[in-house]
């Protein structure tokens, strides 16, 4: 019997490319490319940060990652799994995950 379900946050529950519209406002016609490049660089910088313990980012776009949209089927799927422990396992830091989870209105059990 399944007792708990654990989800990855970014790219599974939260659509990291839901920032495309905001990217478009900065660079019209290039929102998709900027979002893809930004995400690739974000992952690269995360790996570097792990090694160097330093990190700097553009505040305006980074704040968009604190309010990512969920994929359309997330709420319904989580509702179907109600009664089971639901947790997030991510390489994202609590400082980035906590705001996005609060913004989405989703609730997860603590690990």
N, C-alpha and C. Protein backbone atom coordinates (compact mmCIF):
# COMPACT_ATOMS: atom_id res chain seq x y z
N UNK A 1 0.83 -1.18 0.00
CA UNK A 1 0.00 0.00 0.00
C UNK A 1 0.88 1.25 0.00
N UNK A 2 0.57 2.19 -0.84
CA UNK A 2 1.33 3.44 -0.94
C UNK A 2 1.03 4.29 0.29
N UNK A 3 2.09 4.71 0.99
CA UNK A 3 1.92 5.53 2.18
C UNK A 3 2.31 6.98 1.96
N UNK A 4 3.16 7.21 0.98
CA UNK A 4 3.62 8.58 0.72
C UNK A 4 3.96 8.73 -0.76
N UNK A 5 3.81 9.93 -1.25
CA UNK A 5 4.16 10.27 -2.62
C UNK A 5 5.10 11.47 -2.55
N UNK A 6 6.25 11.38 -3.22
CA UNK A 6 7.25 12.45 -3.19
C UNK A 6 7.41 12.99 -4.60
N UNK A 7 7.36 14.30 -4.72
CA UNK A 7 7.44 14.95 -6.02
C UNK A 7 8.69 15.82 -6.11
N UNK A 8 9.25 15.93 -7.30
CA UNK A 8 10.24 16.95 -7.59
C UNK A 8 9.46 18.24 -7.79
N UNK A 9 10.00 19.36 -7.38
CA UNK A 9 9.27 20.63 -7.49
C UNK A 9 9.39 21.23 -8.88
N UNK A 10 10.60 21.58 -9.26
CA UNK A 10 10.80 22.32 -10.51
C UNK A 10 10.74 21.40 -11.72
N UNK A 11 9.83 21.71 -12.61
CA UNK A 11 9.67 20.92 -13.83
C UNK A 11 8.68 19.78 -13.69
N UNK A 12 8.24 19.49 -12.46
CA UNK A 12 7.24 18.45 -12.22
C UNK A 12 5.96 19.08 -11.70
N UNK A 13 6.05 19.77 -10.57
CA UNK A 13 4.88 20.48 -10.03
C UNK A 13 4.82 21.91 -10.57
N UNK A 14 5.97 22.56 -10.61
CA UNK A 14 6.04 23.97 -10.99
C UNK A 14 6.68 24.11 -12.36
N UNK A 15 6.00 24.85 -13.21
CA UNK A 15 6.45 25.07 -14.58
C UNK A 15 7.48 26.19 -14.60
N UNK A 16 8.75 25.83 -14.75
CA UNK A 16 9.83 26.82 -14.72
C UNK A 16 9.76 27.77 -15.91
N UNK A 17 8.99 27.42 -16.91
CA UNK A 17 8.86 28.30 -18.07
C UNK A 17 7.58 29.15 -18.02
N UNK A 18 6.93 29.16 -16.86
CA UNK A 18 5.77 30.05 -16.73
C UNK A 18 6.21 31.51 -16.63
N UNK A 19 7.51 31.74 -16.65
CA UNK A 19 8.05 33.11 -16.62
C UNK A 19 8.22 33.70 -18.02
N UNK A 20 7.81 32.95 -19.04
CA UNK A 20 8.01 33.41 -20.43
C UNK A 20 7.36 34.76 -20.66
N UNK A 21 6.16 34.97 -20.15
CA UNK A 21 5.48 36.25 -20.37
C UNK A 21 6.29 37.40 -19.77
N UNK A 22 6.84 37.18 -18.58
CA UNK A 22 7.67 38.22 -17.96
C UNK A 22 8.94 38.44 -18.77
N UNK A 23 9.53 37.38 -19.28
CA UNK A 23 10.72 37.49 -20.13
C UNK A 23 10.39 38.30 -21.39
N UNK A 24 9.22 38.05 -21.96
CA UNK A 24 8.78 38.79 -23.15
C UNK A 24 8.70 40.28 -22.87
N UNK A 25 8.32 40.65 -21.65
CA UNK A 25 8.20 42.08 -21.32
C UNK A 25 9.56 42.76 -21.34
N UNK A 26 10.62 42.02 -21.09
CA UNK A 26 11.97 42.58 -21.14
C UNK A 26 12.57 42.50 -22.54
N UNK A 27 12.30 41.40 -23.25
CA UNK A 27 12.88 41.16 -24.57
C UNK A 27 11.81 40.62 -25.52
N UNK A 28 10.98 41.51 -26.09
CA UNK A 28 9.88 41.08 -26.97
C UNK A 28 10.38 40.16 -28.09
N UNK A 29 9.63 39.07 -28.29
CA UNK A 29 9.97 38.11 -29.33
C UNK A 29 11.04 37.10 -28.92
N UNK A 30 11.58 37.26 -27.73
CA UNK A 30 12.66 36.38 -27.27
C UNK A 30 12.35 35.71 -25.93
N UNK A 31 11.10 35.77 -25.52
CA UNK A 31 10.73 35.23 -24.21
C UNK A 31 11.03 33.76 -24.04
N UNK A 32 10.71 32.95 -25.05
CA UNK A 32 10.96 31.51 -24.96
C UNK A 32 12.45 31.23 -24.87
N UNK A 33 13.22 31.86 -25.75
CA UNK A 33 14.66 31.63 -25.74
C UNK A 33 15.29 32.08 -24.42
N UNK A 34 14.84 33.24 -23.92
CA UNK A 34 15.38 33.73 -22.65
C UNK A 34 15.04 32.78 -21.51
N UNK A 35 13.81 32.30 -21.48
CA UNK A 35 13.40 31.37 -20.43
C UNK A 35 14.23 30.09 -20.46
N UNK A 36 14.45 29.55 -21.64
CA UNK A 36 15.24 28.33 -21.77
C UNK A 36 16.69 28.56 -21.36
N UNK A 37 17.27 29.67 -21.82
CA UNK A 37 18.66 29.99 -21.47
C UNK A 37 18.77 30.28 -19.98
N UNK A 38 17.80 31.04 -19.44
CA UNK A 38 17.81 31.39 -18.02
C UNK A 38 17.79 30.12 -17.16
N UNK A 39 16.94 29.17 -17.53
CA UNK A 39 16.84 27.92 -16.76
C UNK A 39 18.14 27.13 -16.84
N UNK A 40 18.72 27.05 -18.03
CA UNK A 40 19.99 26.33 -18.18
C UNK A 40 21.07 26.97 -17.32
N UNK A 41 21.14 28.29 -17.36
CA UNK A 41 22.14 29.01 -16.55
C UNK A 41 21.85 28.87 -15.07
N UNK A 42 20.57 28.87 -14.71
CA UNK A 42 20.20 28.72 -13.31
C UNK A 42 20.71 27.38 -12.76
N UNK A 43 20.55 26.33 -13.55
CA UNK A 43 21.06 25.02 -13.12
C UNK A 43 22.58 25.03 -13.03
N UNK A 44 23.23 25.61 -14.04
CA UNK A 44 24.69 25.69 -14.01
C UNK A 44 25.17 26.47 -12.79
N UNK A 45 24.52 27.59 -12.50
CA UNK A 45 24.92 28.41 -11.34
C UNK A 45 24.65 27.68 -10.03
N UNK A 46 23.57 26.89 -9.99
CA UNK A 46 23.28 26.11 -8.79
C UNK A 46 24.41 25.13 -8.52
N UNK A 47 24.88 24.48 -9.58
CA UNK A 47 25.99 23.53 -9.40
C UNK A 47 27.25 24.27 -8.96
N UNK A 48 27.51 25.42 -9.56
CA UNK A 48 28.69 26.21 -9.18
C UNK A 48 28.57 26.70 -7.75
N UNK A 49 27.37 27.14 -7.38
CA UNK A 49 27.15 27.63 -6.02
C UNK A 49 27.46 26.53 -5.01
N UNK A 50 27.08 25.32 -5.34
CA UNK A 50 27.35 24.20 -4.45
C UNK A 50 28.85 24.03 -4.23
N UNK A 51 29.62 24.32 -5.26
CA UNK A 51 31.07 24.19 -5.16
C UNK A 51 31.72 25.41 -4.52
N UNK A 52 31.23 26.61 -4.86
CA UNK A 52 31.89 27.84 -4.44
C UNK A 52 31.24 28.53 -3.24
N UNK A 53 30.01 28.16 -2.91
CA UNK A 53 29.28 28.80 -1.82
C UNK A 53 29.01 30.28 -2.08
N UNK A 54 28.87 30.67 -3.37
CA UNK A 54 28.56 32.06 -3.73
C UNK A 54 27.54 32.05 -4.85
N UNK A 55 26.72 33.10 -4.88
CA UNK A 55 25.69 33.15 -5.91
C UNK A 55 25.18 34.58 -6.05
N UNK A 56 25.00 35.02 -7.27
CA UNK A 56 24.41 36.34 -7.53
C UNK A 56 23.46 36.18 -8.69
N UNK A 57 22.31 36.91 -8.68
CA UNK A 57 21.33 36.77 -9.75
C UNK A 57 20.58 38.06 -9.97
N UNK A 58 19.98 38.19 -11.12
CA UNK A 58 19.17 39.35 -11.45
C UNK A 58 17.88 39.29 -10.64
N UNK A 59 17.69 40.25 -9.74
CA UNK A 59 16.59 40.23 -8.77
C UNK A 59 15.20 40.15 -9.41
N UNK A 60 14.95 40.91 -10.45
CA UNK A 60 13.61 40.95 -11.04
C UNK A 60 13.18 39.60 -11.58
N UNK A 61 14.03 38.97 -12.38
CA UNK A 61 13.65 37.67 -12.92
C UNK A 61 13.69 36.58 -11.85
N UNK A 62 14.62 36.67 -10.93
CA UNK A 62 14.66 35.66 -9.88
C UNK A 62 13.39 35.69 -9.04
N UNK A 63 12.84 36.87 -8.83
CA UNK A 63 11.61 36.95 -8.03
C UNK A 63 10.45 36.26 -8.73
N UNK A 64 10.50 36.17 -10.05
CA UNK A 64 9.45 35.44 -10.79
C UNK A 64 9.46 33.95 -10.43
N UNK A 65 10.63 33.41 -10.09
CA UNK A 65 10.72 32.00 -9.73
C UNK A 65 10.12 31.72 -8.35
N UNK A 66 9.80 32.77 -7.60
CA UNK A 66 9.15 32.59 -6.31
C UNK A 66 7.64 32.49 -6.45
N UNK A 67 7.15 32.67 -7.69
CA UNK A 67 5.71 32.64 -7.94
C UNK A 67 5.40 31.84 -9.20
N UNK A 68 6.10 30.75 -9.40
CA UNK A 68 5.88 29.92 -10.59
C UNK A 68 4.47 29.34 -10.61
N UNK A 69 3.94 29.19 -11.80
CA UNK A 69 2.65 28.52 -11.96
C UNK A 69 2.84 27.01 -11.89
N UNK A 70 1.83 26.33 -11.41
CA UNK A 70 1.86 24.87 -11.45
C UNK A 70 1.40 24.43 -12.84
N UNK A 71 1.71 23.21 -13.19
CA UNK A 71 1.17 22.64 -14.42
C UNK A 71 -0.33 22.46 -14.24
N UNK A 72 -1.10 22.47 -15.32
CA UNK A 72 -2.57 22.42 -15.21
C UNK A 72 -3.12 21.22 -14.44
N UNK A 73 -2.45 20.08 -14.50
CA UNK A 73 -3.00 18.88 -13.87
C UNK A 73 -2.53 18.65 -12.43
N UNK A 74 -1.72 19.54 -11.90
CA UNK A 74 -1.15 19.32 -10.56
C UNK A 74 -2.22 19.31 -9.47
N UNK A 75 -3.06 20.32 -9.40
CA UNK A 75 -4.07 20.40 -8.32
C UNK A 75 -4.99 19.19 -8.32
N UNK A 76 -5.46 18.80 -9.50
CA UNK A 76 -6.35 17.64 -9.60
C UNK A 76 -5.64 16.36 -9.18
N UNK A 77 -4.40 16.20 -9.59
CA UNK A 77 -3.64 15.00 -9.24
C UNK A 77 -3.40 14.92 -7.74
N UNK A 78 -3.01 16.05 -7.14
CA UNK A 78 -2.79 16.06 -5.70
C UNK A 78 -4.09 15.78 -4.94
N UNK A 79 -5.18 16.28 -5.44
CA UNK A 79 -6.49 16.03 -4.82
C UNK A 79 -6.82 14.53 -4.85
N UNK A 80 -6.51 13.88 -5.95
CA UNK A 80 -6.75 12.43 -6.07
C UNK A 80 -5.88 11.64 -5.09
N UNK A 81 -4.72 12.19 -4.75
CA UNK A 81 -3.80 11.50 -3.85
C UNK A 81 -4.01 11.89 -2.39
N UNK A 82 -5.07 12.64 -2.13
CA UNK A 82 -5.39 13.08 -0.78
C UNK A 82 -5.49 11.88 0.15
N UNK A 83 -4.97 12.00 1.34
CA UNK A 83 -4.95 10.89 2.28
C UNK A 83 -3.60 10.22 2.33
N UNK A 84 -2.78 10.46 1.33
CA UNK A 84 -1.41 9.96 1.29
C UNK A 84 -0.49 11.12 1.66
N UNK A 85 0.62 10.83 2.31
CA UNK A 85 1.60 11.87 2.56
C UNK A 85 2.09 12.39 1.22
N UNK A 86 2.22 13.69 1.10
CA UNK A 86 2.70 14.32 -0.13
C UNK A 86 3.86 15.23 0.23
N UNK A 87 5.02 14.97 -0.36
CA UNK A 87 6.22 15.71 -0.04
C UNK A 87 6.94 16.15 -1.30
N UNK A 88 7.82 17.11 -1.15
CA UNK A 88 8.68 17.57 -2.24
C UNK A 88 10.11 17.18 -1.92
N UNK A 89 10.80 16.65 -2.91
CA UNK A 89 12.22 16.39 -2.83
C UNK A 89 12.86 17.17 -3.97
N UNK A 90 13.72 18.11 -3.66
CA UNK A 90 14.24 19.00 -4.69
C UNK A 90 15.65 19.44 -4.35
N UNK A 91 16.40 19.82 -5.39
CA UNK A 91 17.70 20.43 -5.13
C UNK A 91 17.56 21.93 -4.92
N UNK A 92 16.33 22.44 -4.97
CA UNK A 92 16.07 23.84 -4.67
C UNK A 92 16.22 24.10 -3.18
N UNK A 93 16.64 25.30 -2.83
CA UNK A 93 16.82 25.64 -1.43
C UNK A 93 15.47 25.97 -0.79
N UNK A 94 15.35 25.82 0.53
CA UNK A 94 14.11 26.19 1.20
C UNK A 94 13.72 27.66 0.94
N UNK A 95 14.71 28.53 0.80
CA UNK A 95 14.43 29.95 0.52
C UNK A 95 13.72 30.14 -0.81
N UNK A 96 13.94 29.24 -1.76
CA UNK A 96 13.26 29.34 -3.05
C UNK A 96 11.98 28.50 -3.07
N UNK A 97 11.98 27.37 -2.41
CA UNK A 97 10.81 26.49 -2.45
C UNK A 97 9.65 26.99 -1.59
N UNK A 98 9.95 27.48 -0.39
CA UNK A 98 8.87 27.91 0.50
C UNK A 98 7.96 28.97 -0.14
N UNK A 99 8.51 30.03 -0.74
CA UNK A 99 7.62 31.04 -1.35
C UNK A 99 6.79 30.50 -2.51
N UNK A 100 7.37 29.64 -3.36
CA UNK A 100 6.63 29.13 -4.51
C UNK A 100 5.51 28.20 -4.07
N UNK A 101 5.75 27.43 -3.02
CA UNK A 101 4.71 26.54 -2.50
C UNK A 101 3.59 27.38 -1.87
N UNK A 102 3.96 28.39 -1.07
CA UNK A 102 2.95 29.28 -0.46
C UNK A 102 2.13 29.98 -1.54
N UNK A 103 2.80 30.49 -2.58
CA UNK A 103 2.12 31.20 -3.65
C UNK A 103 1.11 30.30 -4.37
N UNK A 104 1.47 29.04 -4.56
CA UNK A 104 0.59 28.13 -5.29
C UNK A 104 -0.60 27.66 -4.46
N UNK A 105 -0.52 27.81 -3.15
CA UNK A 105 -1.60 27.34 -2.30
C UNK A 105 -1.59 25.84 -2.07
N UNK A 106 -0.57 25.16 -2.54
CA UNK A 106 -0.46 23.72 -2.31
C UNK A 106 0.08 23.45 -0.92
N UNK A 107 -0.21 22.27 -0.40
CA UNK A 107 0.26 21.91 0.93
C UNK A 107 0.94 20.57 0.87
N UNK A 108 2.11 20.49 1.49
CA UNK A 108 2.88 19.25 1.51
C UNK A 108 3.26 18.92 2.94
N UNK A 109 3.44 17.62 3.19
CA UNK A 109 3.88 17.15 4.50
C UNK A 109 5.38 17.41 4.64
N UNK A 110 5.83 17.59 5.85
CA UNK A 110 7.27 17.78 6.11
C UNK A 110 7.95 16.43 6.02
N UNK A 111 9.19 16.46 5.57
CA UNK A 111 10.00 15.23 5.49
C UNK A 111 10.56 14.88 6.84
